[in-house]
Amino acid sequence: MPEIPEVTPDALDAPPFAEALLLDVREPGEWLAGHAPGAHHVPMDEVAAALAGIPRDRTIVAVCRSGGRSGRVTEYLVGEGFDAWNLAGGMQAWAACGRPVVTDAGGAGTVA
């Protein structure tokens, strides 16, 4: 099994990640509870069908709750030719680093 490229939340402000698309692959209920501002939501089981809508000219950082599901999505995307990375520790690590978690309405969210 090939090694899955990973990036930590604190490294996301540096190139090439500063302009990356954060692809949240959690389930709808998890997304609604809270997500990273500006993230794009595609549940894990819908990623293959949504490939045409995922930009190939940007680095993709996949994220889930703890990094397991997004690791599998990252492996799939790399196999499809994307510059894709897994967010190590997922949204739990994101929130632990003090990064914002919001709801669709813009209020404070939680990591479910």
C-alpha atoms as a PDB file:
ATOM      1  CA  MET A   1       0.000   0.000   0.000  1.00  0.00           C
ATOM      2  CA  PRO A   2       1.503   3.392  -0.968  1.00  0.00           C
ATOM      3  CA  GLU A   3       2.116   6.025   1.678  1.00  0.00           C
ATOM      4  CA  ILE A   4      -0.687   8.583   1.881  1.00  0.00           C
ATOM      5  CA  PRO A   5       0.593  12.171   1.821  1.00  0.00           C
ATOM      6  CA  GLU A   6      -0.429  14.060   4.955  1.00  0.00           C
ATOM      7  CA  VAL A   7      -0.345  17.654   6.105  1.00  0.00           C
ATOM      8  CA  THR A   8      -0.939  18.974   9.613  1.00  0.00           C
ATOM      9  CA  PRO A   9      -3.400  21.804  10.290  1.00  0.00           C
ATOM     10  CA  ASP A  10      -0.609  24.177  11.329  1.00  0.00           C
ATOM     11  CA  ALA A  11       1.089  23.752   7.918  1.00  0.00           C
ATOM     12  CA  LEU A  12      -1.952  24.826   5.901  1.00  0.00           C
ATOM     13  CA  ASP A  13      -0.951  28.499   5.784  1.00  0.00           C
ATOM     14  CA  ALA A  14       2.204  27.780   3.764  1.00  0.00           C
ATOM     15  CA  PRO A  15       2.508  26.966   0.047  1.00  0.00           C
ATOM     16  CA  PRO A  16       1.208  24.873  -1.613  1.00  0.00           C
ATOM     17  CA  PHE A  17      -1.550  24.535   0.976  1.00  0.00           C
ATOM     18  CA  ALA A  18      -2.486  28.217   1.395  1.00  0.00           C
ATOM     19  CA  GLU A  19      -4.494  28.019  -1.856  1.00  0.00           C
ATOM     20  CA  ALA A  20      -5.627  24.414  -1.438  1.00  0.00           C
ATOM     21  CA  LEU A  21      -9.229  23.260  -1.626  1.00  0.00           C
ATOM     22  CA  LEU A  22     -10.293  21.744   1.683  1.00  0.00           C
ATOM     23  CA  LEU A  23     -12.519  18.799   0.759  1.00  0.00           C
ATOM     24  CA  ASP A  24     -14.668  17.705   3.711  1.00  0.00           C
ATOM     25  CA  VAL A  25     -15.726  14.086   3.166  1.00  0.00           C
ATOM     26  CA  ARG A  26     -17.757  13.618   6.365  1.00  0.00           C
ATOM     27  CA  GLU A  27     -21.424  12.701   6.495  1.00  0.00           C
ATOM     28  CA  PRO A  28     -24.050  15.486   6.179  1.00  0.00           C
ATOM     29  CA  GLY A  29     -24.829  15.538   9.918  1.00  0.00           C
ATOM     30  CA  GLU A  30     -21.158  15.987  10.774  1.00  0.00           C
ATOM     31  CA  TRP A  31     -20.866  18.815   8.232  1.00  0.00           C
ATOM     32  CA  LEU A  32     -23.956  20.574   9.594  1.00  0.00           C
ATOM     33  CA  ALA A  33     -22.585  20.450  13.167  1.00  0.00           C
ATOM     34  CA  GLY A  34     -19.514  22.371  12.046  1.00  0.00           C
ATOM     35  CA  HIS A  35     -16.847  22.575   9.371  1.00  0.00           C
ATOM     36  CA  ALA A  36     -13.872  24.624   8.310  1.00  0.00           C
ATOM     37  CA  PRO A  37     -14.731  27.987   6.736  1.00  0.00           C
ATOM     38  CA  GLY A  38     -14.527  27.776   2.956  1.00  0.00           C
ATOM     39  CA  ALA A  39     -14.449  23.978   2.864  1.00  0.00           C
ATOM     40  CA  HIS A  40     -16.213  22.099   0.071  1.00  0.00           C
ATOM     41  CA  HIS A  41     -18.475  19.240   1.199  1.00  0.00           C
ATOM     42  CA  VAL A  42     -18.642  15.946  -0.680  1.00  0.00           C
ATOM     43  CA  PRO A  43     -19.451  12.907   1.488  1.00  0.00           C
ATOM     44  CA  MET A  44     -16.943  10.075   1.084  1.00  0.00           C
ATOM     45  CA  ASP A  45     -19.348   7.784  -0.763  1.00  0.00           C
ATOM     46  CA  GLU A  46     -20.057  10.522  -3.339  1.00  0.00           C
ATOM     47  CA  VAL A  47     -16.470  11.482  -4.197  1.00  0.00           C
ATOM     48  CA  ALA A  48     -16.154   9.206  -7.251  1.00  0.00           C
ATOM     49  CA  ALA A  49     -19.351  10.643  -8.770  1.00  0.00           C
ATOM     50  CA  ALA A  50     -18.198  14.204  -7.986  1.00  0.00           C
ATOM     51  CA  LEU A  51     -14.721  13.985  -9.577  1.00  0.00           C
ATOM     52  CA  ALA A  52     -15.640  16.306 -12.448  1.00  0.00           C
ATOM     53  CA  GLY A  53     -16.389  19.067  -9.928  1.00  0.00           C
ATOM     54  CA  ILE A  54     -13.092  18.743  -8.060  1.00  0.00           C
ATOM     55  CA  PRO A  55     -10.462  21.070  -9.548  1.00  0.00           C
ATOM     56  CA  ARG A  56      -7.350  19.386 -10.901  1.00  0.00           C
ATOM     57  CA  ASP A  57      -5.350  22.617 -10.936  1.00  0.00           C
ATOM     58  CA  ARG A  58      -5.328  23.035  -7.140  1.00  0.00           C
ATOM     59  CA  THR A  59      -3.915  21.063  -4.260  1.00  0.00           C
ATOM     60  CA  ILE A  60      -6.696  19.140  -2.521  1.00  0.00           C
ATOM     61  CA  VAL A  61      -6.643  18.571   1.250  1.00  0.00           C
ATOM     62  CA  ALA A  62      -9.182  15.931   2.270  1.00  0.00           C
ATOM     63  CA  VAL A  63     -10.584  16.082   5.803  1.00  0.00           C
ATOM     64  CA  CYS A  64     -12.912  13.973   7.944  1.00  0.00           C
ATOM     65  CA  ARG A  65     -13.372  13.722  11.707  1.00  0.00           C
ATOM     66  CA  SER A  66     -10.056  12.050  12.595  1.00  0.00           C
ATOM     67  CA  GLY A  67      -8.244  11.330   9.313  1.00  0.00           C
ATOM     68  CA  GLY A  68      -9.270   7.752   8.472  1.00  0.00           C
ATOM     69  CA  ARG A  69     -11.953   8.330   5.851  1.00  0.00           C
ATOM     70  CA  SER A  70     -10.113  11.270   4.346  1.00  0.00           C
ATOM     71  CA  GLY A  71      -6.992   9.101   4.110  1.00  0.00           C
ATOM     72  CA  ARG A  72      -8.869   6.642   1.925  1.00  0.00           C
ATOM     73  CA  VAL A  73     -10.249   9.497  -0.191  1.00  0.00           C
ATOM     74  CA  THR A  74      -6.747  10.973  -0.518  1.00  0.00           C
ATOM     75  CA  GLU A  75      -5.405   7.621  -1.707  1.00  0.00           C
ATOM     76  CA  TYR A  76      -8.210   7.426  -4.288  1.00  0.00           C
ATOM     77  CA  LEU A  77      -7.655  11.009  -5.490  1.00  0.00           C
ATOM     78  CA  VAL A  78      -3.899  10.507  -5.834  1.00  0.00           C
ATOM     79  CA  GLY A  79      -4.642   7.399  -7.905  1.00  0.00           C
ATOM     80  CA  GLU A  80      -6.872   9.550 -10.120  1.00  0.00           C
ATOM     81  CA  GLY A  81      -4.023  12.020 -10.732  1.00  0.00           C
ATOM     82  CA  PHE A  82      -4.880  14.719  -8.178  1.00  0.00           C
ATOM     83  CA  ASP A  83      -2.354  16.527  -5.988  1.00  0.00           C
ATOM     84  CA  ALA A  84      -4.162  15.375  -2.850  1.00  0.00           C
ATOM     85  CA  TRP A  85      -3.195  15.328   0.818  1.00  0.00           C
ATOM     86  CA  ASN A  86      -4.866  14.007   3.943  1.00  0.00           C
ATOM     87  CA  LEU A  87      -5.388  16.388   6.855  1.00  0.00           C
ATOM     88  CA  ALA A  88      -3.621  14.545   9.675  1.00  0.00           C
ATOM     89  CA  GLY A  89      -5.944  14.204  12.657  1.00  0.00           C
ATOM     90  CA  GLY A  90      -8.931  15.554  10.708  1.00  0.00           C
ATOM     91  CA  MET A  91     -11.344  18.125  12.094  1.00  0.00           C
ATOM     92  CA  GLN A  92     -10.415  17.082  15.624  1.00  0.00           C
ATOM     93  CA  ALA A  93      -6.837  18.269  15.018  1.00  0.00           C
ATOM     94  CA  TRP A  94      -8.130  21.332  13.147  1.00  0.00           C
ATOM     95  CA  ALA A  95     -10.204  22.425  16.152  1.00  0.00           C
ATOM     96  CA  ALA A  96      -7.443  21.510  18.640  1.00  0.00           C
ATOM     97  CA  CYS A  97      -5.120  23.920  16.792  1.00  0.00           C
ATOM     98  CA  GLY A  98      -7.600  26.716  17.412  1.00  0.00           C
ATOM     99  CA  ARG A  99      -8.774  26.956  13.828  1.00  0.00           C
ATOM    100  CA  PRO A 100     -12.377  28.078  13.376  1.00  0.00           C
ATOM    101  CA  VAL A 101     -15.279  25.646  13.089  1.00  0.00           C
ATOM    102  CA  VAL A 102     -18.470  27.176  11.671  1.00  0.00           C
ATOM    103  CA  THR A 103     -21.989  26.187  10.661  1.00  0.00           C
ATOM    104  CA  ASP A 104     -23.557  26.932   7.287  1.00  0.00           C
ATOM    105  CA  ALA A 105     -25.235  29.935   8.923  1.00  0.00           C
ATOM    106  CA  GLY A 106     -21.827  31.292   9.943  1.00  0.00           C
ATOM    107  CA  GLY A 107     -22.157  30.657  13.676  1.00  0.00           C
ATOM    108  CA  ALA A 108     -19.772  28.718  15.873  1.00  0.00           C
ATOM    109  CA  GLY A 109     -19.823  25.005  15.086  1.00  0.00           C
ATOM    110  CA  THR A 110     -18.625  21.842  16.758  1.00  0.00           C
ATOM    111  CA  VAL A 111     -16.766  18.774  15.535  1.00  0.00           C
ATOM    112  CA  ALA A 112     -19.286  15.934  15.607  1.00  0.00           C
END
